[in-house]
Structures are given as structure tokens and as C-alpha cells.
Amino acid sequence: MPQPSNPSPERAARGDGKNIPVEDTHAAAGETQPPAGTTDPGNDSNPSSGADAAAAPIDPQGSASAQAAQVIEDAEAVLDGVVIEPSIDEQVAKAKAEAAEWQDKYLRLHAEWDTYRRRTAEQREAEKARATEKLVESLLPVIDDFERTIDYAEKNGEGGLLDGVKAVHSKLVATLVKDGVQVIDPKGEAFDALEAQAVATVEDASVPDETVADVYQKGYKMGSKCLRPAMVTVTSGGPKREKPQENAAK
């Protein structure tokens, strides 16, 4: 059985052959170093990059640029939340523009109201005229009978009857005229085909052509509408009648 060898005095003095416990410096270093110095086994980056970055010198110009950019960003963020009040001139200009806009709206509304009121009044007048037209048309034969009675009384000397009939006739015609009825009695005037109907012609050289000689039956109209044209006789053989355009030109 081999015997353990005894170290020589020189080796003993140097410590050769002794088991000296060694501290785990790597574990201690891992506990004292910051996390930025640790290495990730799954990361392919250089383990010494953290230490190199920490040891790298700081660029003063880059730091100043970063600080300036941060200041500008903070200022913009502050300005975004600040409401800038307009100046007095801008406020006055804005108020004038709003006043002009409201004035324009008022004028337009006023014009539309005037147009509506005028049209409504015209419609009421037209409806009133249409309501009266039918009544007047039904009364026209009564007026004709009155006029024939007056003509008979005048020719046969019925003085008492004539005065009474004339009074009733005048009162009836006056009532219709008051409601807008116009009597068409164009004797001695130029013939108007819109308001008169020629039933015969008579020779008369003393007056211009197309002059109404006699009225057999009067006509009536309301406003611009002719309810019934007058029945007349028209002259012929006289000088030509000048047209209204020629008279206006002269």
C-alpha cells in the first residue's frame, strides 16, 4: 500500500501540496454587478458590450441636441393645450362678418315674407272673384229682361212702369259694379274682339272702319276676365283706323 508522500520543506513553504479553498469569484461578481453587466446565454451579442458602453465617453453635443429636442417637444405639448385668444382687430372683423351675415338673412327673409303676403293677397282676391263670377253670370239674364222692359215702356209710353223698372235696374247694376263687375258698352268706340262680338256690319263712311255702331246686348267683365262679350254692329266703308302702334310711334 503506497504511503502518502510528505512534501519537501521548500514545497511546504510555498504551500505546494495543500488544498487551499478557492472562493467563487464569479458568483460574487454576479451578485455585486448591476443587471446591465450580466450576459444572456441565449443572446448572441458581445458580453462585453455593456461594459464598453458604460466605459464609452459621453458626447456633450449629442446630449445638448437631445435636451433641445426634448425642450421643443415639451413646448409643443404645452402649446397644444393652450387656447390663443384672438386679437381685438380679429374679434371686430369676426363680429362684423357675423352681423353682415345676419343682416343678409334678415333681408332675404323679409323679401320672402313680402312675396308670400302679396301672393296670398292675390290668391284671396282671385278666389273672391271666382266666387262672384258664377253669381253674376246667373244675374245677367235678369238684367237683360230689365233692359228689354225699359225699352218696351219707352216705346209704348208706360211712364209709371218705366220709372220703377229703371230704378230697380239702376240699383241692381250699381250693386254688381260695387262688387267688381264692369259693364261693356262700346258704342262709338273701336271694335275690340276680346270684349265684343260683331253680329252685323253697317255702311258708314263718316267714321273709321270697325267702329261699333250699335250695341244689341251689353257685355260684362270682372277684372281681366270677360264674363260675356257685348253683341254689336260694326261699321265699314270709312277710312282705315290707325293701329295703336302707329299712334304711339308718332
C-alpha atoms as a PDB file:
ATOM      1  CA  MET A   1       0.000   0.000   0.000  1.00  0.00           C
ATOM      2  CA  PRO A   2       1.549   3.286  -1.054  1.00  0.00           C
ATOM      3  CA  GLN A   3       2.261   5.840   1.611  1.00  0.00           C
ATOM      4  CA  PRO A   4       1.440   9.439   1.183  1.00  0.00           C
ATOM      5  CA  SER A   5       4.395  11.417   0.271  1.00  0.00           C
ATOM      6  CA  ASN A   6       5.484  14.206   2.521  1.00  0.00           C
ATOM      7  CA  PRO A   7       6.248  17.443   0.807  1.00  0.00           C
ATOM      8  CA  SER A   8       9.682  18.812   0.976  1.00  0.00           C
ATOM      9  CA  PRO A   9      10.341  21.764   3.203  1.00  0.00           C
ATOM     10  CA  GLU A  10      10.628  24.021   0.141  1.00  0.00           C
ATOM     11  CA  ARG A  11       7.220  22.963  -1.202  1.00  0.00           C
ATOM     12  CA  ALA A  12       5.746  23.243   2.258  1.00  0.00           C
ATOM     13  CA  ALA A  13       6.979  26.773   2.475  1.00  0.00           C
ATOM     14  CA  ARG A  14       5.417  27.581  -0.918  1.00  0.00           C
ATOM     15  CA  GLY A  15       2.239  25.805   0.004  1.00  0.00           C
ATOM     16  CA  ASP A  16       2.605  23.097  -2.596  1.00  0.00           C
ATOM     17  CA  GLY A  17       0.591  20.046  -1.955  1.00  0.00           C
ATOM     18  CA  LYS A  18      -2.040  21.775   0.224  1.00  0.00           C
ATOM     19  CA  ASN A  19      -5.677  22.044  -0.686  1.00  0.00           C
ATOM     20  CA  ILE A  20      -6.468  25.752  -0.336  1.00  0.00           C
ATOM     21  CA  PRO A  21     -10.126  26.541  -0.665  1.00  0.00           C
ATOM     22  CA  VAL A  22     -10.884  28.949  -3.539  1.00  0.00           C
ATOM     23  CA  GLU A  23     -13.829  31.389  -3.313  1.00  0.00           C
ATOM     24  CA  ASP A  24     -16.341  31.507  -6.131  1.00  0.00           C
ATOM     25  CA  THR A  25     -15.385  34.893  -7.502  1.00  0.00           C
ATOM     26  CA  HIS A  26     -17.727  34.600 -10.434  1.00  0.00           C
ATOM     27  CA  ALA A  27     -20.783  34.202  -8.173  1.00  0.00           C
ATOM     28  CA  ALA A  28     -19.706  37.116  -6.014  1.00  0.00           C
ATOM     29  CA  ALA A  29     -19.112  39.236  -9.041  1.00  0.00           C
ATOM     30  CA  GLY A  30     -22.609  38.343 -10.357  1.00  0.00           C
ATOM     31  CA  GLU A  31     -24.213  39.473  -7.102  1.00  0.00           C
ATOM     32  CA  THR A  32     -22.390  42.793  -6.929  1.00  0.00           C
ATOM     33  CA  GLN A  33     -22.510  43.767 -10.629  1.00  0.00           C
ATOM     34  CA  PRO A  34     -25.610  45.550 -11.955  1.00  0.00           C
ATOM     35  CA  PRO A  35     -28.031  43.723 -14.247  1.00  0.00           C
ATOM     36  CA  ALA A  36     -26.736  45.645 -17.222  1.00  0.00           C
ATOM     37  CA  GLY A  37     -23.399  43.818 -16.961  1.00  0.00           C
ATOM     38  CA  THR A  38     -24.924  40.309 -16.991  1.00  0.00           C
ATOM     39  CA  THR A  39     -24.926  38.241 -20.121  1.00  0.00           C
ATOM     40  CA  ASP A  40     -27.804  36.325 -21.595  1.00  0.00           C
ATOM     41  CA  PRO A  41     -26.749  32.835 -22.735  1.00  0.00           C
ATOM     42  CA  GLY A  42     -29.396  32.969 -25.484  1.00  0.00           C
ATOM     43  CA  ASN A  43     -28.239  36.331 -26.747  1.00  0.00           C
ATOM     44  CA  ASP A  44     -25.579  36.365 -29.460  1.00  0.00           C
ATOM     45  CA  SER A  45     -24.375  39.901 -28.561  1.00  0.00           C
ATOM     46  CA  ASN A  46     -20.922  40.506 -27.233  1.00  0.00           C
ATOM     47  CA  PRO A  47     -20.944  40.129 -23.424  1.00  0.00           C
ATOM     48  CA  SER A  48     -18.534  42.963 -23.050  1.00  0.00           C
ATOM     49  CA  SER A  49     -20.762  45.477 -24.966  1.00  0.00           C
ATOM     50  CA  GLY A  50     -22.446  46.682 -21.749  1.00  0.00           C
ATOM     51  CA  ALA A  51     -19.152  47.362 -20.115  1.00  0.00           C
ATOM     52  CA  ASP A  52     -17.840  49.062 -23.246  1.00  0.00           C
ATOM     53  CA  ALA A  53     -20.923  51.277 -23.446  1.00  0.00           C
ATOM     54  CA  ALA A  54     -20.569  52.215 -19.801  1.00  0.00           C
ATOM     55  CA  ALA A  55     -16.924  52.959 -20.347  1.00  0.00           C
ATOM     56  CA  ALA A  56     -17.552  54.960 -23.582  1.00  0.00           C
ATOM     57  CA  PRO A  57     -17.192  58.735 -23.210  1.00  0.00           C
ATOM     58  CA  ILE A  58     -20.367  60.915 -23.345  1.00  0.00           C
ATOM     59  CA  ASP A  59     -20.739  63.260 -26.369  1.00  0.00           C
ATOM     60  CA  PRO A  60     -21.638  66.724 -24.986  1.00  0.00           C
ATOM     61  CA  GLN A  61     -23.012  67.947 -28.344  1.00  0.00           C
ATOM     62  CA  GLY A  62     -25.332  64.950 -28.727  1.00  0.00           C
ATOM     63  CA  SER A  63     -26.589  65.389 -25.188  1.00  0.00           C
ATOM     64  CA  ALA A  64     -27.288  69.089 -25.817  1.00  0.00           C
ATOM     65  CA  SER A  65     -29.183  68.248 -29.040  1.00  0.00           C
ATOM     66  CA  ALA A  66     -31.270  65.668 -27.219  1.00  0.00           C
ATOM     67  CA  GLN A  67     -32.069  68.145 -24.473  1.00  0.00           C
ATOM     68  CA  ALA A  68     -33.046  70.821 -27.034  1.00  0.00           C
ATOM     69  CA  ALA A  69     -35.313  68.375 -28.866  1.00  0.00           C
ATOM     70  CA  GLN A  70     -36.928  67.397 -25.550  1.00  0.00           C
ATOM     71  CA  VAL A  71     -37.481  71.079 -24.687  1.00  0.00           C
ATOM     72  CA  ILE A  72     -39.085  71.732 -28.099  1.00  0.00           C
ATOM     73  CA  GLU A  73     -41.318  68.683 -27.708  1.00  0.00           C
ATOM     74  CA  ASP A  74     -42.410  69.803 -24.235  1.00  0.00           C
ATOM     75  CA  ALA A  75     -43.110  73.318 -25.521  1.00  0.00           C
ATOM     76  CA  GLU A  76     -45.226  71.960 -28.387  1.00  0.00           C
ATOM     77  CA  ALA A  77     -47.185  69.792 -25.955  1.00  0.00           C
ATOM     78  CA  VAL A  78     -47.848  72.839 -23.784  1.00  0.00           C
ATOM     79  CA  LEU A  79     -48.888  74.959 -26.779  1.00  0.00           C
ATOM     80  CA  ASP A  80     -51.320  72.274 -27.915  1.00  0.00           C
ATOM     81  CA  GLY A  81     -53.276  72.681 -24.708  1.00  0.00           C
ATOM     82  CA  VAL A  82     -53.172  76.491 -24.693  1.00  0.00           C
ATOM     83  CA  VAL A  83     -56.070  78.421 -26.316  1.00  0.00           C
ATOM     84  CA  ILE A  84     -54.691  81.504 -28.036  1.00  0.00           C
ATOM     85  CA  GLU A  85     -57.113  84.391 -27.726  1.00  0.00           C
ATOM     86  CA  PRO A  86     -57.674  86.355 -30.993  1.00  0.00           C
ATOM     87  CA  SER A  87     -56.682  89.971 -31.144  1.00  0.00           C
ATOM     88  CA  ILE A  88     -59.120  92.897 -30.887  1.00  0.00           C
ATOM     89  CA  ASP A  89     -58.992  93.518 -34.649  1.00  0.00           C
ATOM     90  CA  GLU A  90     -59.750  89.872 -35.373  1.00  0.00           C
ATOM     91  CA  GLN A  91     -62.670  89.915 -32.951  1.00  0.00           C
ATOM     92  CA  VAL A  92     -64.066  93.095 -34.529  1.00  0.00           C
ATOM     93  CA  ALA A  93     -63.708  91.643 -38.030  1.00  0.00           C
ATOM     94  CA  LYS A  94     -65.438  88.441 -36.946  1.00  0.00           C
ATOM     95  CA  ALA A  95     -68.292  90.393 -35.333  1.00  0.00           C
ATOM     96  CA  LYS A  96     -68.745  92.497 -38.468  1.00  0.00           C
ATOM     97  CA  ALA A  97     -68.853  89.371 -40.637  1.00  0.00           C
ATOM     98  CA  GLU A  98     -71.482  87.778 -38.387  1.00  0.00           C
ATOM     99  CA  ALA A  99     -73.549  90.991 -38.382  1.00  0.00           C
ATOM    100  CA  ALA A 100     -73.414  91.163 -42.180  1.00  0.00           C
ATOM    101  CA  GLU A 101     -74.459  87.514 -42.430  1.00  0.00           C
ATOM    102  CA  TRP A 102     -77.438  88.025 -40.110  1.00  0.00           C
ATOM    103  CA  GLN A 103     -78.438  91.201 -41.968  1.00  0.00           C
ATOM    104  CA  ASP A 104     -78.395  89.308 -45.258  1.00  0.00           C
ATOM    105  CA  LYS A 105     -80.542  86.560 -43.748  1.00  0.00           C
ATOM    106  CA  TYR A 106     -82.991  89.163 -42.414  1.00  0.00           C
ATOM    107  CA  LEU A 107     -83.288  90.890 -45.789  1.00  0.00           C
ATOM    108  CA  ARG A 108     -83.867  87.589 -47.559  1.00  0.00           C
ATOM    109  CA  LEU A 109     -86.484  86.530 -45.019  1.00  0.00           C
ATOM    110  CA  HIS A 110     -88.202  89.911 -45.256  1.00  0.00           C
ATOM    111  CA  ALA A 111     -88.310  89.704 -49.055  1.00  0.00           C
ATOM    112  CA  GLU A 112     -89.690  86.160 -48.924  1.00  0.00           C
ATOM    113  CA  TRP A 113     -92.349  87.260 -46.427  1.00  0.00           C
ATOM    114  CA  ASP A 114     -93.396  90.177 -48.650  1.00  0.00           C
ATOM    115  CA  THR A 115     -93.629  87.849 -51.640  1.00  0.00           C
ATOM    116  CA  TYR A 116     -95.682  85.340 -49.661  1.00  0.00           C
ATOM    117  CA  ARG A 117     -98.014  88.057 -48.351  1.00  0.00           C
ATOM    118  CA  ARG A 118     -98.511  89.512 -51.841  1.00  0.00           C
ATOM    119  CA  ARG A 119     -99.216  86.110 -53.378  1.00  0.00           C
ATOM    120  CA  THR A 120    -101.626  85.267 -50.579  1.00  0.00           C
ATOM    121  CA  ALA A 121    -103.499  88.520 -51.122  1.00  0.00           C
ATOM    122  CA  GLU A 122    -103.657  87.879 -54.863  1.00  0.00           C
ATOM    123  CA  GLN A 123    -104.968  84.372 -54.273  1.00  0.00           C
ATOM    124  CA  ARG A 124    -107.663  85.677 -51.937  1.00  0.00           C
ATOM    125  CA  GLU A 125    -108.736  88.253 -54.496  1.00  0.00           C
ATOM    126  CA  ALA A 126    -108.792  85.618 -57.228  1.00  0.00           C
ATOM    127  CA  GLU A 127    -110.878  83.265 -55.081  1.00  0.00           C
ATOM    128  CA  LYS A 128    -113.267  86.082 -54.263  1.00  0.00           C
ATOM    129  CA  ALA A 129    -113.618  86.935 -57.950  1.00  0.00           C
ATOM    130  CA  ARG A 130    -114.286  83.308 -58.886  1.00  0.00           C
ATOM    131  CA  ALA A 131    -116.920  83.036 -56.173  1.00  0.00           C
ATOM    132  CA  THR A 132    -118.660  86.144 -57.531  1.00  0.00           C
ATOM    133  CA  GLU A 133    -118.403  85.240 -61.199  1.00  0.00           C
ATOM    134  CA  LYS A 134    -120.955  82.457 -61.018  1.00  0.00           C
ATOM    135  CA  LEU A 135    -123.470  84.653 -59.224  1.00  0.00           C
ATOM    136  CA  VAL A 136    -123.026  87.483 -61.714  1.00  0.00           C
ATOM    137  CA  GLU A 137    -123.403  85.177 -64.696  1.00  0.00           C
ATOM    138  CA  SER A 138    -126.698  83.919 -63.287  1.00  0.00           C
ATOM    139  CA  LEU A 139    -127.938  87.526 -62.841  1.00  0.00           C
ATOM    140  CA  LEU A 140    -127.091  88.710 -66.342  1.00  0.00           C
ATOM    141  CA  PRO A 141    -130.325  87.363 -67.921  1.00  0.00           C
ATOM    142  CA  VAL A 142    -132.293  89.237 -65.230  1.00  0.00           C
ATOM    143  CA  ILE A 143    -130.572  92.468 -66.217  1.00  0.00           C
ATOM    144  CA  ASP A 144    -131.367  91.747 -69.851  1.00  0.00           C
ATOM    145  CA  ASP A 145    -135.057  91.381 -69.005  1.00  0.00           C
ATOM    146  CA  PHE A 146    -134.977  94.673 -67.161  1.00  0.00           C
ATOM    147  CA  GLU A 147    -133.448  96.419 -70.140  1.00  0.00           C
ATOM    148  CA  ARG A 148    -135.975  94.937 -72.535  1.00  0.00           C
ATOM    149  CA  THR A 149    -138.782  96.021 -70.237  1.00  0.00           C
ATOM    150  CA  ILE A 150    -137.382  99.543 -70.145  1.00  0.00           C
ATOM    151  CA  ASP A 151    -137.152  99.608 -73.931  1.00  0.00           C
ATOM    152  CA  TYR A 152    -140.776  98.446 -74.288  1.00  0.00           C
ATOM    153  CA  ALA A 153    -142.007 101.005 -71.765  1.00  0.00           C
ATOM    154  CA  GLU A 154    -140.204 103.800 -73.578  1.00  0.00           C
ATOM    155  CA  LYS A 155    -141.715 102.849 -76.920  1.00  0.00           C
ATOM    156  CA  ASN A 156    -145.252 102.348 -75.610  1.00  0.00           C
ATOM    157  CA  GLY A 157    -145.498 105.289 -73.253  1.00  0.00           C
ATOM    158  CA  GLU A 158    -145.632 103.399 -69.982  1.00  0.00           C
ATOM    159  CA  GLY A 159    -144.264 106.221 -67.876  1.00  0.00           C
ATOM    160  CA  GLY A 160    -145.108 104.886 -64.413  1.00  0.00           C
ATOM    161  CA  LEU A 161    -143.819 101.423 -65.150  1.00  0.00           C
ATOM    162  CA  LEU A 162    -140.769 102.854 -66.838  1.00  0.00           C
ATOM    163  CA  ASP A 163    -139.650 104.859 -63.809  1.00  0.00           C
ATOM    164  CA  GLY A 164    -139.994 101.893 -61.436  1.00  0.00           C
ATOM    165  CA  VAL A 165    -138.166  99.488 -63.704  1.00  0.00           C
ATOM    166  CA  LYS A 166    -135.365 101.988 -64.300  1.00  0.00           C
ATOM    167  CA  ALA A 167    -134.894 102.430 -60.568  1.00  0.00           C
ATOM    168  CA  VAL A 168    -134.668  98.656 -59.961  1.00  0.00           C
ATOM    169  CA  HIS A 169    -132.321  98.217 -62.914  1.00  0.00           C
ATOM    170  CA  SER A 170    -130.002 101.001 -61.784  1.00  0.00           C
ATOM    171  CA  LYS A 171    -129.861  99.612 -58.261  1.00  0.00           C
ATOM    172  CA  LEU A 172    -129.035  96.107 -59.455  1.00  0.00           C
ATOM    173  CA  VAL A 173    -126.305  97.271 -61.827  1.00  0.00           C
ATOM    174  CA  ALA A 174    -124.805  99.506 -59.130  1.00  0.00           C
ATOM    175  CA  THR A 175    -124.637  96.534 -56.735  1.00  0.00           C
ATOM    176  CA  LEU A 176    -122.767  94.446 -59.299  1.00  0.00           C
ATOM    177  CA  VAL A 177    -120.391  97.270 -60.159  1.00  0.00           C
ATOM    178  CA  LYS A 178    -119.638  97.702 -56.467  1.00  0.00           C
ATOM    179  CA  ASP A 179    -118.520  94.045 -56.348  1.00  0.00           C
ATOM    180  CA  GLY A 180    -116.141  94.499 -59.290  1.00  0.00           C
ATOM    181  CA  VAL A 181    -118.378  93.994 -62.331  1.00  0.00           C
ATOM    182  CA  GLN A 182    -117.672  96.249 -65.330  1.00  0.00           C
ATOM    183  CA  VAL A 183    -120.309  96.930 -67.966  1.00  0.00           C
ATOM    184  CA  ILE A 184    -119.083  96.635 -71.571  1.00  0.00           C
ATOM    185  CA  ASP A 185    -120.979  99.228 -73.650  1.00  0.00           C
ATOM    186  CA  PRO A 186    -118.598 100.145 -76.508  1.00  0.00           C
ATOM    187  CA  LYS A 187    -120.962 102.212 -78.706  1.00  0.00           C
ATOM    188  CA  GLY A 188    -118.906 104.671 -80.808  1.00  0.00           C
ATOM    189  CA  GLU A 189    -115.606 103.049 -79.805  1.00  0.00           C
ATOM    190  CA  ALA A 190    -113.186 100.910 -81.781  1.00  0.00           C
ATOM    191  CA  PHE A 191    -114.232  97.307 -82.104  1.00  0.00           C
ATOM    192  CA  ASP A 192    -112.377  95.001 -79.675  1.00  0.00           C
ATOM    193  CA  ALA A 193    -112.755  91.328 -80.494  1.00  0.00           C
ATOM    194  CA  LEU A 194    -111.803  90.387 -76.909  1.00  0.00           C
ATOM    195  CA  GLU A 195    -114.779  92.203 -75.402  1.00  0.00           C
ATOM    196  CA  ALA A 196    -117.354  92.372 -78.208  1.00  0.00           C
ATOM    197  CA  GLN A 197    -118.911  90.091 -80.774  1.00  0.00           C
ATOM    198  CA  ALA A 198    -119.896  91.564 -84.146  1.00  0.00           C
ATOM    199  CA  VAL A 199    -123.277  90.274 -85.325  1.00  0.00           C
ATOM    200  CA  ALA A 200    -123.625  92.588 -88.346  1.00  0.00           C
ATOM    201  CA  THR A 201    -121.912  95.340 -90.349  1.00  0.00           C
ATOM    202  CA  VAL A 202    -123.338  98.679 -91.480  1.00  0.00           C
ATOM    203  CA  GLU A 203    -122.057 101.079 -94.147  1.00  0.00           C
ATOM    204  CA  ASP A 204    -120.911 104.362 -92.655  1.00  0.00           C
ATOM    205  CA  ALA A 205    -118.183 106.455 -94.330  1.00  0.00           C
ATOM    206  CA  SER A 206    -118.268 109.182 -91.680  1.00  0.00           C
ATOM    207  CA  VAL A 207    -116.421 107.103 -89.120  1.00  0.00           C
ATOM    208  CA  PRO A 208    -113.357 104.848 -89.391  1.00  0.00           C
ATOM    209  CA  ASP A 209    -113.802 101.199 -90.189  1.00  0.00           C
ATOM    210  CA  GLU A 210    -114.517  98.768 -87.367  1.00  0.00           C
ATOM    211  CA  THR A 211    -116.320 101.280 -85.206  1.00  0.00           C
ATOM    212  CA  VAL A 212    -119.128  99.973 -83.009  1.00  0.00           C
ATOM    213  CA  ALA A 213    -122.380 101.420 -84.394  1.00  0.00           C
ATOM    214  CA  ASP A 214    -124.958  99.897 -82.054  1.00  0.00           C
ATOM    215  CA  VAL A 215    -124.971  97.609 -79.027  1.00  0.00           C
ATOM    216  CA  TYR A 216    -127.671  94.963 -79.103  1.00  0.00           C
ATOM    217  CA  GLN A 217    -126.655  93.427 -75.812  1.00  0.00           C
ATOM    218  CA  LYS A 218    -124.190  94.783 -73.288  1.00  0.00           C
ATOM    219  CA  GLY A 219    -121.244  92.775 -72.106  1.00  0.00           C
ATOM    220  CA  TYR A 220    -119.805  92.314 -68.625  1.00  0.00           C
ATOM    221  CA  LYS A 221    -116.373  91.515 -67.214  1.00  0.00           C
ATOM    222  CA  MET A 222    -114.647  91.178 -63.856  1.00  0.00           C
ATOM    223  CA  GLY A 223    -111.049  92.234 -63.696  1.00  0.00           C
ATOM    224  CA  SER A 224    -109.329  90.921 -66.790  1.00  0.00           C
ATOM    225  CA  LYS A 225    -111.885  88.154 -67.423  1.00  0.00           C
ATOM    226  CA  CYS A 226    -114.729  88.789 -69.833  1.00  0.00           C
ATOM    227  CA  LEU A 227    -117.841  87.152 -68.424  1.00  0.00           C
ATOM    228  CA  ARG A 228    -119.847  87.838 -71.582  1.00  0.00           C
ATOM    229  CA  PRO A 229    -118.885  89.821 -74.683  1.00  0.00           C
ATOM    230  CA  ALA A 230    -121.172  92.555 -75.968  1.00  0.00           C
ATOM    231  CA  MET A 231    -123.215  91.915 -79.128  1.00  0.00           C
ATOM    232  CA  VAL A 232    -122.628  94.823 -81.523  1.00  0.00           C
ATOM    233  CA  THR A 233    -122.778  96.014 -85.113  1.00  0.00           C
ATOM    234  CA  VAL A 234    -119.593  97.303 -86.765  1.00  0.00           C
ATOM    235  CA  THR A 235    -119.214  99.999 -89.424  1.00  0.00           C
ATOM    236  CA  SER A 236    -117.437  99.577 -92.760  1.00  0.00           C
ATOM    237  CA  GLY A 237    -116.632 101.773 -95.810  1.00  0.00           C
ATOM    238  CA  GLY A 238    -114.912 104.508 -93.875  1.00  0.00           C
ATOM    239  CA  PRO A 239    -111.224 105.428 -93.600  1.00  0.00           C
ATOM    240  CA  LYS A 240    -108.837 102.896 -92.235  1.00  0.00           C
ATOM    241  CA  ARG A 241    -108.342 103.062 -88.498  1.00  0.00           C
ATOM    242  CA  GLU A 242    -104.778 103.644 -87.344  1.00  0.00           C
ATOM    243  CA  LYS A 243    -103.256 100.939 -85.204  1.00  0.00           C
ATOM    244  CA  PRO A 244    -102.202 101.727 -81.629  1.00  0.00           C
ATOM    245  CA  GLN A 245     -98.531 101.044 -82.504  1.00  0.00           C
ATOM    246  CA  GLU A 246     -98.588 103.720 -85.210  1.00  0.00           C
ATOM    247  CA  ASN A 247    -100.130 106.254 -82.818  1.00  0.00           C
ATOM    248  CA  ALA A 248     -97.525 105.506 -80.177  1.00  0.00           C
ATOM    249  CA  ALA A 249     -94.714 105.870 -82.752  1.00  0.00           C
ATOM    250  CA  LYS A 250     -95.984 109.306 -83.808  1.00  0.00           C
END
